[in-house]
C-alpha atoms as a PDB file:
ATOM      1  CA  UNK A   1      81.795 -13.194  49.542  1.00  0.00           C
ATOM      2  CA  UNK A   2      85.466 -13.046  49.621  1.00  0.00           C
ATOM      3  CA  UNK A   3      87.179  -9.636  50.415  1.00  0.00           C
ATOM      4  CA  UNK A   4      89.184 -10.013  47.072  1.00  0.00           C
ATOM      5  CA  UNK A   5      85.678  -9.951  45.206  1.00  0.00           C
ATOM      6  CA  UNK A   6      85.245  -6.425  46.143  1.00  0.00           C
ATOM      7  CA  UNK A   7      87.661  -5.522  43.240  1.00  0.00           C
ATOM      8  CA  UNK A   8      85.166  -6.982  40.857  1.00  0.00           C
ATOM      9  CA  UNK A   9      82.360  -4.818  41.971  1.00  0.00           C
ATOM     10  CA  UNK A  10      81.692  -1.102  41.164  1.00  0.00           C
ATOM     11  CA  UNK A  11      79.240   1.516  42.864  1.00  0.00           C
ATOM     12  CA  UNK A  12      75.773   1.242  41.416  1.00  0.00           C
ATOM     13  CA  UNK A  13      75.317   4.835  41.642  1.00  0.00           C
ATOM     14  CA  UNK A  14      78.772   6.277  40.035  1.00  0.00           C
ATOM     15  CA  UNK A  15      80.662   2.952  39.125  1.00  0.00           C
ATOM     16  CA  UNK A  16      83.475   4.155  41.411  1.00  0.00           C
ATOM     17  CA  UNK A  17      85.737   1.692  43.010  1.00  0.00           C
ATOM     18  CA  UNK A  18      84.523   0.118  46.261  1.00  0.00           C
ATOM     19  CA  UNK A  19      86.473  -0.798  49.495  1.00  0.00           C
ATOM     20  CA  UNK A  20      85.350  -2.836  52.502  1.00  0.00           C
ATOM     21  CA  UNK A  21      85.346  -2.024  56.167  1.00  0.00           C
ATOM     22  CA  UNK A  22      84.661  -4.527  58.728  1.00  0.00           C
ATOM     23  CA  UNK A  23      85.296  -8.164  59.854  1.00  0.00           C
ATOM     24  CA  UNK A  24      86.665 -10.786  57.724  1.00  0.00           C
ATOM     25  CA  UNK A  25      87.064 -14.380  58.537  1.00  0.00           C
ATOM     26  CA  UNK A  26      89.378 -16.858  56.703  1.00  0.00           C
ATOM     27  CA  UNK A  27      88.974 -14.167  53.623  1.00  0.00           C
ATOM     28  CA  UNK A  28      85.250 -14.226  53.895  1.00  0.00           C
ATOM     29  CA  UNK A  29      83.368 -11.066  54.491  1.00  0.00           C
ATOM     30  CA  UNK A  30      81.180 -11.564  57.652  1.00  0.00           C
ATOM     31  CA  UNK A  31      79.944  -7.860  58.389  1.00  0.00           C
ATOM     32  CA  UNK A  32      80.621  -4.274  57.952  1.00  0.00           C
ATOM     33  CA  UNK A  33      80.145  -2.309  54.795  1.00  0.00           C
ATOM     34  CA  UNK A  34      81.707  -0.974  51.481  1.00  0.00           C
ATOM     35  CA  UNK A  35      82.176   2.522  50.535  1.00  0.00           C
ATOM     36  CA  UNK A  36      82.689   4.324  47.123  1.00  0.00           C
ATOM     37  CA  UNK A  37      85.735   6.140  46.463  1.00  0.00           C
ATOM     38  CA  UNK A  38      84.098   8.199  44.028  1.00  0.00           C
ATOM     39  CA  UNK A  39      80.543   9.613  45.571  1.00  0.00           C
ATOM     40  CA  UNK A  40      81.309   8.316  48.962  1.00  0.00           C
ATOM     41  CA  UNK A  41      78.108   6.148  49.289  1.00  0.00           C
ATOM     42  CA  UNK A  42      78.059   3.255  51.724  1.00  0.00           C
ATOM     43  CA  UNK A  43      76.571  -0.178  51.123  1.00  0.00           C
ATOM     44  CA  UNK A  44      75.943  -2.379  54.037  1.00  0.00           C
ATOM     45  CA  UNK A  45      76.793  -6.221  54.384  1.00  0.00           C
ATOM     46  CA  UNK A  46      73.837  -7.597  56.303  1.00  0.00           C
ATOM     47  CA  UNK A  47      72.165 -11.187  56.854  1.00  0.00           C
ATOM     48  CA  UNK A  48      75.039 -12.791  54.883  1.00  0.00           C
ATOM     49  CA  UNK A  49      74.544 -10.346  51.839  1.00  0.00           C
ATOM     50  CA  UNK A  50      76.253  -7.364  50.432  1.00  0.00           C
ATOM     51  CA  UNK A  51      73.219  -5.066  49.551  1.00  0.00           C
ATOM     52  CA  UNK A  52      74.317  -2.801  46.673  1.00  0.00           C
ATOM     53  CA  UNK A  53      71.001  -1.288  45.837  1.00  0.00           C
ATOM     54  CA  UNK A  54      68.622   1.400  46.958  1.00  0.00           C
ATOM     55  CA  UNK A  55      65.392   0.557  48.520  1.00  0.00           C
ATOM     56  CA  UNK A  56      63.618   3.726  47.292  1.00  0.00           C
ATOM     57  CA  UNK A  57      64.269   2.426  43.655  1.00  0.00           C
ATOM     58  CA  UNK A  58      62.591  -0.760  44.345  1.00  0.00           C
ATOM     59  CA  UNK A  59      58.887   0.047  43.326  1.00  0.00           C
ATOM     60  CA  UNK A  60      56.023  -1.291  41.061  1.00  0.00           C
ATOM     61  CA  UNK A  61      56.336  -4.527  39.803  1.00  0.00           C
ATOM     62  CA  UNK A  62      59.995  -4.861  41.063  1.00  0.00           C
ATOM     63  CA  UNK A  63      58.678  -4.673  44.661  1.00  0.00           C
ATOM     64  CA  UNK A  64      55.744  -7.231  43.933  1.00  0.00           C
ATOM     65  CA  UNK A  65      57.972  -9.893  42.364  1.00  0.00           C
ATOM     66  CA  UNK A  66      60.375  -9.511  45.183  1.00  0.00           C
ATOM     67  CA  UNK A  67      57.388 -10.075  47.592  1.00  0.00           C
ATOM     68  CA  UNK A  68      56.173 -13.070  45.771  1.00  0.00           C
ATOM     69  CA  UNK A  69      59.675 -14.616  45.282  1.00  0.00           C
ATOM     70  CA  UNK A  70      60.572 -13.995  49.036  1.00  0.00           C
ATOM     71  CA  UNK A  71      57.343 -15.702  50.199  1.00  0.00           C
ATOM     72  CA  UNK A  72      58.170 -19.365  49.117  1.00  0.00           C
ATOM     73  CA  UNK A  73      61.370 -19.472  47.493  1.00  0.00           C
ATOM     74  CA  UNK A  74      62.321 -23.083  48.057  1.00  0.00           C
ATOM     75  CA  UNK A  75      59.097 -24.083  45.781  1.00  0.00           C
ATOM     76  CA  UNK A  76      60.304 -22.045  42.771  1.00  0.00           C
ATOM     77  CA  UNK A  77      62.577 -24.879  41.114  1.00  0.00           C
ATOM     78  CA  UNK A  78      60.410 -27.503  41.861  1.00  0.00           C
ATOM     79  CA  UNK A  79      57.375 -25.529  40.606  1.00  0.00           C
ATOM     80  CA  UNK A  80      59.163 -24.855  37.383  1.00  0.00           C
ATOM     81  CA  UNK A  81      60.230 -28.347  36.619  1.00  0.00           C
ATOM     82  CA  UNK A  82      56.709 -30.065  37.325  1.00  0.00           C
ATOM     83  CA  UNK A  83      54.415 -27.312  36.105  1.00  0.00           C
ATOM     84  CA  UNK A  84      55.847 -25.864  33.027  1.00  0.00           C
ATOM     85  CA  UNK A  85      55.054 -29.240  30.753  1.00  0.00           C
ATOM     86  CA  UNK A  86      51.622 -29.333  32.363  1.00  0.00           C
ATOM     87  CA  UNK A  87      50.863 -25.581  31.394  1.00  0.00           C
ATOM     88  CA  UNK A  88      52.432 -25.852  28.069  1.00  0.00           C
ATOM     89  CA  UNK A  89      51.400 -29.062  26.941  1.00  0.00           C
ATOM     90  CA  UNK A  90      54.949 -29.858  26.071  1.00  0.00           C
ATOM     91  CA  UNK A  91      58.068 -28.222  26.158  1.00  0.00           C
ATOM     92  CA  UNK A  92      60.127 -29.440  29.084  1.00  0.00           C
ATOM     93  CA  UNK A  93      62.155 -27.575  31.607  1.00  0.00           C
ATOM     94  CA  UNK A  94      65.421 -29.190  30.169  1.00  0.00           C
ATOM     95  CA  UNK A  95      64.442 -28.208  26.580  1.00  0.00           C
ATOM     96  CA  UNK A  96      63.929 -24.553  27.822  1.00  0.00           C
ATOM     97  CA  UNK A  97      67.206 -24.411  29.709  1.00  0.00           C
ATOM     98  CA  UNK A  98      69.286 -26.166  27.072  1.00  0.00           C
ATOM     99  CA  UNK A  99      67.929 -23.924  24.142  1.00  0.00           C
ATOM    100  CA  UNK A 100      68.910 -20.732  25.901  1.00  0.00           C
ATOM    101  CA  UNK A 101      71.967 -22.318  27.191  1.00  0.00           C
ATOM    102  CA  UNK A 102      73.210 -23.099  23.627  1.00  0.00           C
ATOM    103  CA  UNK A 103      72.887 -19.373  22.742  1.00  0.00           C
ATOM    104  CA  UNK A 104      75.458 -18.697  25.768  1.00  0.00           C
ATOM    105  CA  UNK A 105      78.156 -20.550  23.707  1.00  0.00           C
ATOM    106  CA  UNK A 106      80.030 -21.668  26.941  1.00  0.00           C
ATOM    107  CA  UNK A 107      82.057 -23.983  25.273  1.00  0.00           C
ATOM    108  CA  UNK A 108      83.857 -21.133  23.568  1.00  0.00           C
ATOM    109  CA  UNK A 109      85.005 -19.703  26.966  1.00  0.00           C
ATOM    110  CA  UNK A 110      87.959 -22.189  26.654  1.00  0.00           C
ATOM    111  CA  UNK A 111      89.480 -20.304  23.908  1.00  0.00           C
ATOM    112  CA  UNK A 112      89.615 -17.128  26.015  1.00  0.00           C
ATOM    113  CA  UNK A 113      91.636 -18.623  28.688  1.00  0.00           C
ATOM    114  CA  UNK A 114      93.870 -17.251  29.867  1.00  0.00           C
ATOM    115  CA  UNK A 115      92.669 -13.660  29.545  1.00  0.00           C
ATOM    116  CA  UNK A 116      95.369 -11.170  28.595  1.00  0.00           C
ATOM    117  CA  UNK A 117      94.471  -8.613  31.270  1.00  0.00           C
ATOM    118  CA  UNK A 118      95.074 -11.419  34.044  1.00  0.00           C
ATOM    119  CA  UNK A 119      91.301 -11.427  35.427  1.00  0.00           C
ATOM    120  CA  UNK A 120      89.435 -14.492  35.651  1.00  0.00           C
ATOM    121  CA  UNK A 121      86.674 -15.566  33.212  1.00  0.00           C
ATOM    122  CA  UNK A 122      83.459 -14.198  34.535  1.00  0.00           C
ATOM    123  CA  UNK A 123      79.799 -15.150  33.717  1.00  0.00           C
ATOM    124  CA  UNK A 124      76.904 -12.880  35.129  1.00  0.00           C
ATOM    125  CA  UNK A 125      73.395 -14.096  35.438  1.00  0.00           C
ATOM    126  CA  UNK A 126      71.350 -11.268  36.141  1.00  0.00           C
ATOM    127  CA  UNK A 127      68.714 -12.264  38.706  1.00  0.00           C
ATOM    128  CA  UNK A 128      70.154 -15.734  39.680  1.00  0.00           C
ATOM    129  CA  UNK A 129      67.491 -16.425  42.220  1.00  0.00           C
ATOM    130  CA  UNK A 130      67.369 -19.927  43.366  1.00  0.00           C
ATOM    131  CA  UNK A 131      70.107 -21.176  41.225  1.00  0.00           C
ATOM    132  CA  UNK A 132      68.154 -23.121  38.610  1.00  0.00           C
ATOM    133  CA  UNK A 133      70.654 -22.500  35.798  1.00  0.00           C
ATOM    134  CA  UNK A 134      73.831 -23.591  37.975  1.00  0.00           C
ATOM    135  CA  UNK A 135      73.307 -27.157  36.815  1.00  0.00           C
ATOM    136  CA  UNK A 136      72.998 -26.042  33.166  1.00  0.00           C
ATOM    137  CA  UNK A 137      76.382 -24.017  33.576  1.00  0.00           C
ATOM    138  CA  UNK A 138      78.000 -26.947  35.149  1.00  0.00           C
ATOM    139  CA  UNK A 139      77.452 -29.353  32.316  1.00  0.00           C
ATOM    140  CA  UNK A 140      77.911 -26.729  29.445  1.00  0.00           C
ATOM    141  CA  UNK A 141      81.310 -25.352  30.752  1.00  0.00           C
ATOM    142  CA  UNK A 142      84.446 -27.029  29.514  1.00  0.00           C
ATOM    143  CA  UNK A 143      85.906 -29.230  32.282  1.00  0.00           C
ATOM    144  CA  UNK A 144      88.661 -27.847  34.357  1.00  0.00           C
ATOM    145  CA  UNK A 145      87.900 -24.291  33.012  1.00  0.00           C
ATOM    146  CA  UNK A 146      88.260 -21.826  35.989  1.00  0.00           C
ATOM    147  CA  UNK A 147      85.178 -19.474  35.846  1.00  0.00           C
ATOM    148  CA  UNK A 148      83.647 -17.237  38.119  1.00  0.00           C
ATOM    149  CA  UNK A 149      79.517 -17.319  38.279  1.00  0.00           C
ATOM    150  CA  UNK A 150      77.941 -13.896  39.584  1.00  0.00           C
ATOM    151  CA  UNK A 151      74.447 -13.996  40.607  1.00  0.00           C
ATOM    152  CA  UNK A 152      72.780 -10.547  41.665  1.00  0.00           C
ATOM    153  CA  UNK A 153      69.188 -10.688  42.746  1.00  0.00           C
ATOM    154  CA  UNK A 154      66.767  -8.522  44.645  1.00  0.00           C
ATOM    155  CA  UNK A 155      65.313 -11.524  46.399  1.00  0.00           C
ATOM    156  CA  UNK A 156      67.392 -12.440  49.619  1.00  0.00           C
ATOM    157  CA  UNK A 157      65.084 -15.657  49.898  1.00  0.00           C
ATOM    158  CA  UNK A 158      65.793 -16.894  46.457  1.00  0.00           C
ATOM    159  CA  UNK A 159      69.474 -16.356  46.803  1.00  0.00           C
ATOM    160  CA  UNK A 160      69.561 -18.420  49.842  1.00  0.00           C
ATOM    161  CA  UNK A 161      68.057 -21.243  47.998  1.00  0.00           C
ATOM    162  CA  UNK A 162      70.485 -20.486  45.171  1.00  0.00           C
ATOM    163  CA  UNK A 163      73.554 -20.902  47.536  1.00  0.00           C
ATOM    164  CA  UNK A 164      72.323 -24.244  48.899  1.00  0.00           C
ATOM    165  CA  UNK A 165      71.906 -25.341  45.277  1.00  0.00           C
ATOM    166  CA  UNK A 166      75.280 -24.110  44.501  1.00  0.00           C
ATOM    167  CA  UNK A 167      76.775 -26.107  47.720  1.00  0.00           C
ATOM    168  CA  UNK A 168      74.862 -29.340  46.599  1.00  0.00           C
ATOM    169  CA  UNK A 169      76.492 -29.014  43.246  1.00  0.00           C
ATOM    170  CA  UNK A 170      79.848 -28.533  44.635  1.00  0.00           C
ATOM    171  CA  UNK A 171      80.154 -25.075  43.094  1.00  0.00           C
ATOM    172  CA  UNK A 172      82.536 -23.028  45.018  1.00  0.00           C
ATOM    173  CA  UNK A 173      82.938 -20.209  42.373  1.00  0.00           C
ATOM    174  CA  UNK A 174      79.591 -18.827  42.906  1.00  0.00           C
ATOM    175  CA  UNK A 175      79.025 -15.411  43.904  1.00  0.00           C
ATOM    176  CA  UNK A 176      75.753 -13.923  45.207  1.00  0.00           C
ATOM    177  CA  UNK A 177      74.760 -10.385  46.219  1.00  0.00           C
ATOM    178  CA  UNK A 178      71.506  -8.347  46.467  1.00  0.00           C
ATOM    179  CA  UNK A 179      71.450  -5.861  43.610  1.00  0.00           C
ATOM    180  CA  UNK A 180      69.026  -3.964  41.163  1.00  0.00           C
ATOM    181  CA  UNK A 181      68.994  -5.153  37.641  1.00  0.00           C
ATOM    182  CA  UNK A 182      68.638  -1.368  36.432  1.00  0.00           C
ATOM    183  CA  UNK A 183      71.868  -0.499  38.226  1.00  0.00           C
ATOM    184  CA  UNK A 184      74.231  -3.302  38.079  1.00  0.00           C
ATOM    185  CA  UNK A 185      77.164  -2.900  40.500  1.00  0.00           C
ATOM    186  CA  UNK A 186      79.877  -3.712  38.206  1.00  0.00           C
ATOM    187  CA  UNK A 187      82.488  -1.812  35.656  1.00  0.00           C
ATOM    188  CA  UNK A 188      81.956  -1.842  31.947  1.00  0.00           C
ATOM    189  CA  UNK A 189      82.907  -4.650  30.051  1.00  0.00           C
ATOM    190  CA  UNK A 190      83.600  -6.809  32.810  1.00  0.00           C
ATOM    191  CA  UNK A 191      81.883 -10.350  32.052  1.00  0.00           C
ATOM    192  CA  UNK A 192      82.601 -12.776  29.316  1.00  0.00           C
ATOM    193  CA  UNK A 193      79.055 -13.916  29.186  1.00  0.00           C
ATOM    194  CA  UNK A 194      75.882 -12.208  30.455  1.00  0.00           C
ATOM    195  CA  UNK A 195      72.215 -13.875  30.580  1.00  0.00           C
ATOM    196  CA  UNK A 196      69.041 -13.403  32.361  1.00  0.00           C
ATOM    197  CA  UNK A 197      66.036 -15.789  32.335  1.00  0.00           C
ATOM    198  CA  UNK A 198      62.420 -15.633  33.449  1.00  0.00           C
ATOM    199  CA  UNK A 199      61.962 -11.921  34.742  1.00  0.00           C
ATOM    200  CA  UNK A 200      62.680  -9.034  32.651  1.00  0.00           C
ATOM    201  CA  UNK A 201      59.041  -8.692  31.717  1.00  0.00           C
ATOM    202  CA  UNK A 202      58.154  -8.108  35.518  1.00  0.00           C
ATOM    203  CA  UNK A 203      60.791  -5.329  35.833  1.00  0.00           C
ATOM    204  CA  UNK A 204      59.716  -1.776  35.739  1.00  0.00           C
ATOM    205  CA  UNK A 205      62.277  -0.834  33.044  1.00  0.00           C
ATOM    206  CA  UNK A 206      63.309  -3.636  30.733  1.00  0.00           C
ATOM    207  CA  UNK A 207      65.053  -0.890  28.307  1.00  0.00           C
ATOM    208  CA  UNK A 208      67.360   0.086  31.332  1.00  0.00           C
ATOM    209  CA  UNK A 209      67.949  -3.645  32.152  1.00  0.00           C
ATOM    210  CA  UNK A 210      69.136  -4.526  28.760  1.00  0.00           C
ATOM    211  CA  UNK A 211      71.340  -1.476  28.441  1.00  0.00           C
ATOM    212  CA  UNK A 212      73.053  -2.303  31.896  1.00  0.00           C
ATOM    213  CA  UNK A 213      73.593  -5.891  30.655  1.00  0.00           C
ATOM    214  CA  UNK A 214      75.204  -4.522  27.521  1.00  0.00           C
ATOM    215  CA  UNK A 215      77.484  -2.119  29.544  1.00  0.00           C
ATOM    216  CA  UNK A 216      78.913  -4.829  31.626  1.00  0.00           C
ATOM    217  CA  UNK A 217      79.392  -7.403  28.874  1.00  0.00           C
ATOM    218  CA  UNK A 218      82.659  -7.778  27.047  1.00  0.00           C
ATOM    219  CA  UNK A 219      82.292  -6.372  23.502  1.00  0.00           C
ATOM    220  CA  UNK A 220      81.224  -9.301  21.082  1.00  0.00           C
ATOM    221  CA  UNK A 221      80.184 -11.493  23.941  1.00  0.00           C
ATOM    222  CA  UNK A 222      76.660 -13.085  23.528  1.00  0.00           C
ATOM    223  CA  UNK A 223      74.237 -11.471  25.833  1.00  0.00           C
ATOM    224  CA  UNK A 224      71.068 -13.678  26.242  1.00  0.00           C
ATOM    225  CA  UNK A 225      67.538 -13.171  27.498  1.00  0.00           C
ATOM    226  CA  UNK A 226      64.813 -15.698  27.857  1.00  0.00           C
ATOM    227  CA  UNK A 227      61.332 -15.078  29.266  1.00  0.00           C
ATOM    228  CA  UNK A 228      57.506 -15.623  28.592  1.00  0.00           C
ATOM    229  CA  UNK A 229      56.037 -15.313  25.122  1.00  0.00           C
ATOM    230  CA  UNK A 230      52.970 -17.234  23.804  1.00  0.00           C
ATOM    231  CA  UNK A 231      53.783 -18.984  20.568  1.00  0.00           C
ATOM    232  CA  UNK A 232      51.478 -17.559  17.793  1.00  0.00           C
ATOM    233  CA  UNK A 233      50.122 -20.972  16.787  1.00  0.00           C
ATOM    234  CA  UNK A 234      48.863 -21.613  20.384  1.00  0.00           C
ATOM    235  CA  UNK A 235      46.847 -18.021  20.678  1.00  0.00           C
ATOM    236  CA  UNK A 236      43.815 -19.722  19.308  1.00  0.00           C
ATOM    237  CA  UNK A 237      43.698 -22.130  22.148  1.00  0.00           C
ATOM    238  CA  UNK A 238      41.666 -21.249  25.026  1.00  0.00           C
ATOM    239  CA  UNK A 239      43.597 -23.582  27.259  1.00  0.00           C
ATOM    240  CA  UNK A 240      46.969 -21.913  26.517  1.00  0.00           C
ATOM    241  CA  UNK A 241      45.832 -18.313  26.806  1.00  0.00           C
ATOM    242  CA  UNK A 242      44.380 -18.783  30.163  1.00  0.00           C
ATOM    243  CA  UNK A 243      47.196 -20.874  31.797  1.00  0.00           C
ATOM    244  CA  UNK A 244      49.784 -18.369  30.017  1.00  0.00           C
ATOM    245  CA  UNK A 245      47.857 -15.418  31.783  1.00  0.00           C
ATOM    246  CA  UNK A 246      48.394 -17.283  35.044  1.00  0.00           C
ATOM    247  CA  UNK A 247      52.099 -17.098  34.927  1.00  0.00           C
ATOM    248  CA  UNK A 248      52.199 -13.504  33.359  1.00  0.00           C
ATOM    249  CA  UNK A 249      49.380 -11.643  35.446  1.00  0.00           C
ATOM    250  CA  UNK A 250      51.903  -9.127  36.262  1.00  0.00           C
ATOM    251  CA  UNK A 251      52.299  -7.985  32.488  1.00  0.00           C
ATOM    252  CA  UNK A 252      49.545  -6.763  30.352  1.00  0.00           C
ATOM    253  CA  UNK A 253      51.689  -7.726  27.067  1.00  0.00           C
ATOM    254  CA  UNK A 254      54.418 -10.211  27.604  1.00  0.00           C
ATOM    255  CA  UNK A 255      56.735 -10.537  24.636  1.00  0.00           C
ATOM    256  CA  UNK A 256      60.284 -10.681  23.458  1.00  0.00           C
ATOM    257  CA  UNK A 257      61.637  -6.971  23.815  1.00  0.00           C
ATOM    258  CA  UNK A 258      63.624  -6.938  20.761  1.00  0.00           C
ATOM    259  CA  UNK A 259      62.418  -3.149  20.220  1.00  0.00           C
ATOM    260  CA  UNK A 260      64.236  -2.175  23.437  1.00  0.00           C
ATOM    261  CA  UNK A 261      67.625  -3.406  22.481  1.00  0.00           C
ATOM    262  CA  UNK A 262      70.350  -0.839  23.083  1.00  0.00           C
ATOM    263  CA  UNK A 263      71.463   1.159  19.998  1.00  0.00           C
ATOM    264  CA  UNK A 264      74.237  -0.690  17.838  1.00  0.00           C
ATOM    265  CA  UNK A 265      73.209  -4.282  18.954  1.00  0.00           C
ATOM    266  CA  UNK A 266      74.312  -6.670  16.448  1.00  0.00           C
ATOM    267  CA  UNK A 267      73.895 -10.547  15.611  1.00  0.00           C
ATOM    268  CA  UNK A 268      70.357 -10.316  17.017  1.00  0.00           C
ATOM    269  CA  UNK A 269      68.602 -13.529  17.138  1.00  0.00           C
ATOM    270  CA  UNK A 270      64.989 -14.256  18.407  1.00  0.00           C
ATOM    271  CA  UNK A 271      63.674 -17.551  18.732  1.00  0.00           C
ATOM    272  CA  UNK A 272      60.688 -19.279  20.194  1.00  0.00           C
ATOM    273  CA  UNK A 273      62.344 -22.004  21.984  1.00  0.00           C
ATOM    274  CA  UNK A 274      59.148 -23.558  23.893  1.00  0.00           C
ATOM    275  CA  UNK A 275      55.410 -23.065  23.677  1.00  0.00           C
ATOM    276  CA  UNK A 276      55.651 -20.197  26.320  1.00  0.00           C
ATOM    277  CA  UNK A 277      58.958 -19.018  26.107  1.00  0.00           C
ATOM    278  CA  UNK A 278      61.410 -16.918  23.680  1.00  0.00           C
ATOM    279  CA  UNK A 279      65.241 -16.651  23.671  1.00  0.00           C
ATOM    280  CA  UNK A 280      66.679 -13.195  22.628  1.00  0.00           C
ATOM    281  CA  UNK A 281      70.560 -13.188  21.845  1.00  0.00           C
ATOM    282  CA  UNK A 282      72.437 -10.029  20.853  1.00  0.00           C
ATOM    283  CA  UNK A 283      76.235  -8.718  20.807  1.00  0.00           C
ATOM    284  CA  UNK A 284      77.379  -5.428  21.451  1.00  0.00           C
ATOM    285  CA  UNK A 285      80.212  -4.033  19.187  1.00  0.00           C
ATOM    286  CA  UNK A 286      83.668  -2.776  20.535  1.00  0.00           C
ATOM    287  CA  UNK A 287      83.340   0.914  21.479  1.00  0.00           C
ATOM    288  CA  UNK A 288      85.075   3.359  19.825  1.00  0.00           C
ATOM    289  CA  UNK A 289      88.336   4.986  21.579  1.00  0.00           C
ATOM    290  CA  UNK A 290      87.396   8.024  23.341  1.00  0.00           C
ATOM    291  CA  UNK A 291      88.905  11.317  22.124  1.00  0.00           C
ATOM    292  CA  UNK A 292      91.316  13.064  24.273  1.00  0.00           C
END
C-alpha cells in the first residue's frame, strides 16, 4: 500500500482521518502504524498488511470462516472453477461471474471520469479474498480508464493469493488490507461501485454488512451482493440438497438477504443467476442535507 492511499481510509471506529508513522520505501509503506485524529486509535502495519480491525470483534462464523480460508487459500479459486459445475450439475463459474458482473455496470464508469471532486474512480470488493473477481473487472472495465480497486478481507492468506493474481494480471491498481466488513475503514460515499461475492451468509451480522456497503457507496451507484441460494426448482432433488448443504454447512438458512437491506434502498433487483447462487442489486438515494 502506498502512503498516499492512507487518505482514502478512515478509522473503522469513528471514521476519523488517519495518518501514517513509520518506514516508507519508494512511496510504499513497509511498517509502522496509522493513528486516528478523532479517537486516537492506532492500527498496525504487519506482515505486509495494514490491519484496520479489532480482533475481539472477530467471533462466531467470522472466526470459523477465516480459519477455513487461511487453511488452504491457494486452493480456493481452482476449487470454485472445477467443483461448482459438478456440484450444481450445470452453471459454470464464468456464467456466475458474468451475471453479477453485468449488474455492476462497470462500463458506465467511463461517463463519471474525470470526477468533479478530483479523486480517482474507485471500486470496492468487500471480501476480495483470493482475487477471483479481478479478471472479471479487468475484462469489463473500459480500456484505459484509471480505476482503483480496493479489496479488504479478514483472511491474510487469501489476500496473499489475491496479490499474486493481481500481479499475474498486471494490475497495479489493486489495494489490499485486513479489515472487517462490519466496520469498513472508509469515509461515507467514497466508492463508485461496491460489491461482495460468496461470503455474506457466513458473516455474523449480514444486516450490518449491507448497511456498511451502503454507507461507503456513492448515492445512486449499484451495490451488488451474490451468495448461495438453492433455486426452488431443485429443492426436490436429493443430490442438489446434499451438495448444496456441503458448501453451506455454516448457515442453517442460506438465502438472499433482501429483508435486511437498509431503509430507503431502491431499484432492488433479486435474481437466481445459477442453480446455487443469487444476485441482489440495490442503490441508495442521495442523502438529504443536514440541517444546521
